[in-house]
Amino acid sequence: MKYFQHELYIIGIDTEDKKAKQLVHCNVLINQEENPEKVNMRSGIYFYTGKILEVQPKSVEMNISNLLKNHWSSCAPEILKKIKQNYHGPISEENGAPTPREFMLYLSKKYRQDSSVNESTDKINLSLFKKCFLDI
């Protein structure tokens, strides 16, 4: 959860907002899937997030959609700067914001890439540690 909260924070979304909390829950669930791209958001992710948070699944989808649309249409220069610097995923030509699905898949992919890099770095550090330790 902390990873996804941080990703929202760096683009300027208030992580204490109930809509943001729903988005984080959805991201945790979608990230558990082997193939996130093939997940049915309504009958899977939104349904279970709704059950967990006691919100109607349709409301979960609408809340996340509204959160993203409102955030991307912000007039605050500092918010727009954070989005431009830290979000490199798809956006809708229609409203200039990512759809909930696009945004969650972007975050899931980013999480997996970051985790993969961290695992590789940990292996390299362990190798160097072993080499240094064994050479002593």
Protein backbone atom coordinates (compact mmCIF):
# COMPACT_ATOMS: atom_id res chain seq x y z
CA MET A 1 0.00 0.00 0.00
CA LYS A 2 2.82 2.39 0.85
CA TYR A 3 4.26 2.17 -2.67
CA PHE A 4 0.95 3.17 -4.26
CA GLN A 5 0.32 5.89 -1.68
CA HIS A 6 3.76 7.31 -2.45
CA GLU A 7 3.06 7.26 -6.19
CA LEU A 8 -0.14 9.24 -5.63
CA TYR A 9 1.65 11.64 -3.30
CA ILE A 10 4.40 12.46 -5.81
CA ILE A 11 1.83 13.52 -8.40
CA GLY A 12 0.05 15.67 -5.82
CA ILE A 13 -2.95 13.54 -4.87
CA ASP A 14 -4.03 13.76 -1.23
CA THR A 15 -3.59 10.18 -0.02
CA GLU A 16 -6.01 10.78 2.88
CA ASP A 17 -8.88 11.44 0.46
CA LYS A 18 -11.41 8.57 0.49
CA LYS A 19 -11.28 8.34 -3.31
CA ALA A 20 -7.50 8.03 -3.19
CA LYS A 21 -7.82 5.28 -0.58
CA GLN A 22 -10.15 3.39 -2.93
CA LEU A 23 -7.60 3.80 -5.72
CA VAL A 24 -4.82 2.45 -3.51
CA HIS A 25 -6.94 -0.57 -2.54
CA CYS A 26 -7.70 -1.26 -6.19
CA ASN A 27 -4.01 -1.05 -7.04
CA VAL A 28 -3.07 -3.50 -4.31
CA LEU A 29 -5.65 -5.96 -5.65
CA ILE A 30 -4.72 -5.55 -9.31
CA ASN A 31 -1.07 -5.98 -8.46
CA GLN A 32 -1.85 -9.43 -7.03
CA GLU A 33 -2.99 -10.59 -10.45
CA GLU A 34 -0.62 -12.52 -12.67
CA ASN A 35 -1.88 -10.69 -15.78
CA PRO A 36 -3.32 -7.32 -14.66
CA GLU A 37 -4.14 -6.36 -18.27
CA LYS A 38 -6.68 -9.19 -18.46
CA VAL A 39 -8.50 -8.39 -15.22
CA ASN A 40 -12.16 -7.47 -15.36
CA MET A 41 -12.14 -4.30 -13.29
CA ARG A 42 -15.87 -4.22 -12.52
CA SER A 43 -16.46 -7.81 -11.46
CA GLY A 44 -13.04 -8.21 -9.92
CA ILE A 45 -11.19 -5.19 -8.63
CA TYR A 46 -14.08 -2.74 -8.04
CA PHE A 47 -16.29 -5.47 -6.62
CA TYR A 48 -13.77 -6.57 -3.99
CA THR A 49 -12.65 -3.04 -3.16
CA GLY A 50 -16.31 -2.14 -2.65
CA LYS A 51 -16.79 -5.10 -0.32
CA ILE A 52 -13.66 -4.27 1.68
CA LEU A 53 -14.46 -0.56 1.99
CA GLU A 54 -18.26 -0.96 2.09
CA VAL A 55 -18.84 1.04 -1.09
CA GLN A 56 -20.86 0.09 -4.16
CA PRO A 57 -18.57 -1.20 -6.96
CA LYS A 58 -20.03 1.35 -9.41
CA SER A 59 -19.21 4.09 -6.91
CA VAL A 60 -15.60 2.88 -6.66
CA GLU A 61 -15.15 3.22 -10.40
CA MET A 62 -16.86 6.62 -10.52
CA ASN A 63 -14.95 7.93 -7.51
CA ILE A 64 -11.59 6.99 -9.03
CA SER A 65 -12.59 8.41 -12.40
CA ASN A 66 -13.65 11.70 -10.81
CA LEU A 67 -10.49 11.85 -8.70
CA LEU A 68 -8.29 11.49 -11.78
CA LYS A 69 -10.31 13.89 -13.95
CA ASN A 70 -10.38 16.56 -11.25
CA HIS A 71 -6.71 16.17 -10.46
CA TRP A 72 -5.56 16.34 -14.08
CA SER A 73 -7.76 19.38 -14.73
CA SER A 74 -6.28 21.25 -11.76
CA CYS A 75 -5.34 24.85 -12.38
CA ALA A 76 -2.72 24.81 -9.64
CA PRO A 77 0.71 25.11 -11.29
CA GLU A 78 2.43 23.03 -8.59
CA ILE A 79 0.01 20.11 -9.21
CA LEU A 80 0.46 20.30 -12.97
CA LYS A 81 4.24 20.36 -12.50
CA LYS A 82 4.13 17.26 -10.26
CA ILE A 83 2.00 15.40 -12.80
CA LYS A 84 4.29 16.38 -15.69
CA GLN A 85 7.44 15.36 -13.79
CA ASN A 86 6.17 12.11 -12.29
CA TYR A 87 3.47 10.59 -14.50
CA HIS A 88 4.52 9.11 -17.82
CA GLY A 89 1.52 6.96 -18.65
CA PRO A 90 -1.36 7.26 -21.08
CA ILE A 91 -4.01 9.96 -20.89
CA SER A 92 -7.34 10.27 -22.62
CA GLU A 93 -7.52 12.69 -25.54
CA GLU A 94 -11.12 13.31 -24.52
CA ASN A 95 -10.49 14.80 -21.07
CA GLY A 96 -6.70 14.90 -20.67
CA ALA A 97 -6.68 12.48 -17.72
CA PRO A 98 -5.92 8.77 -17.57
CA THR A 99 -8.85 6.39 -17.24
CA PRO A 100 -8.95 4.46 -13.97
CA ARG A 101 -7.88 1.28 -15.79
CA GLU A 102 -4.99 2.99 -17.62
CA PHE A 103 -3.79 4.61 -14.43
CA MET A 104 -3.92 1.44 -12.35
CA LEU A 105 -2.20 -0.61 -15.03
CA TYR A 106 0.49 2.07 -15.28
CA LEU A 107 1.06 1.94 -11.51
CA SER A 108 1.08 -1.86 -11.48
CA LYS A 109 3.63 -1.99 -14.29
CA LYS A 110 5.75 0.66 -12.59
CA TYR A 111 5.65 -1.25 -9.31
CA ARG A 112 6.77 -4.46 -11.01
CA GLN A 113 9.60 -2.68 -12.82
CA ASP A 114 10.75 -0.94 -9.63
CA SER A 115 10.59 -4.20 -7.69
CA SER A 116 12.58 -5.96 -10.39
CA VAL A 117 15.28 -3.27 -10.29
CA ASN A 118 15.41 -3.44 -6.48
CA GLU A 119 15.77 -7.23 -6.56
CA SER A 120 18.60 -6.98 -9.10
CA THR A 121 20.34 -4.31 -7.04
CA ASP A 122 19.98 -6.44 -3.90
CA LYS A 123 21.55 -9.42 -5.71
CA ILE A 124 24.45 -7.29 -6.93
CA ASN A 125 25.01 -5.86 -3.44
CA LEU A 126 24.91 -9.34 -1.92
CA SER A 127 27.41 -10.59 -4.51
CA LEU A 128 29.76 -7.72 -3.81
CA PHE A 129 29.39 -8.28 -0.07
CA LYS A 130 30.18 -12.00 -0.45
CA LYS A 131 33.16 -11.26 -2.69
CA CYS A 132 34.54 -8.67 -0.27
CA PHE A 133 33.85 -10.90 2.74
CA LEU A 134 35.43 -13.97 1.17
CA ASP A 135 38.49 -12.02 0.02
CA ILE A 136 39.27 -10.95 3.58
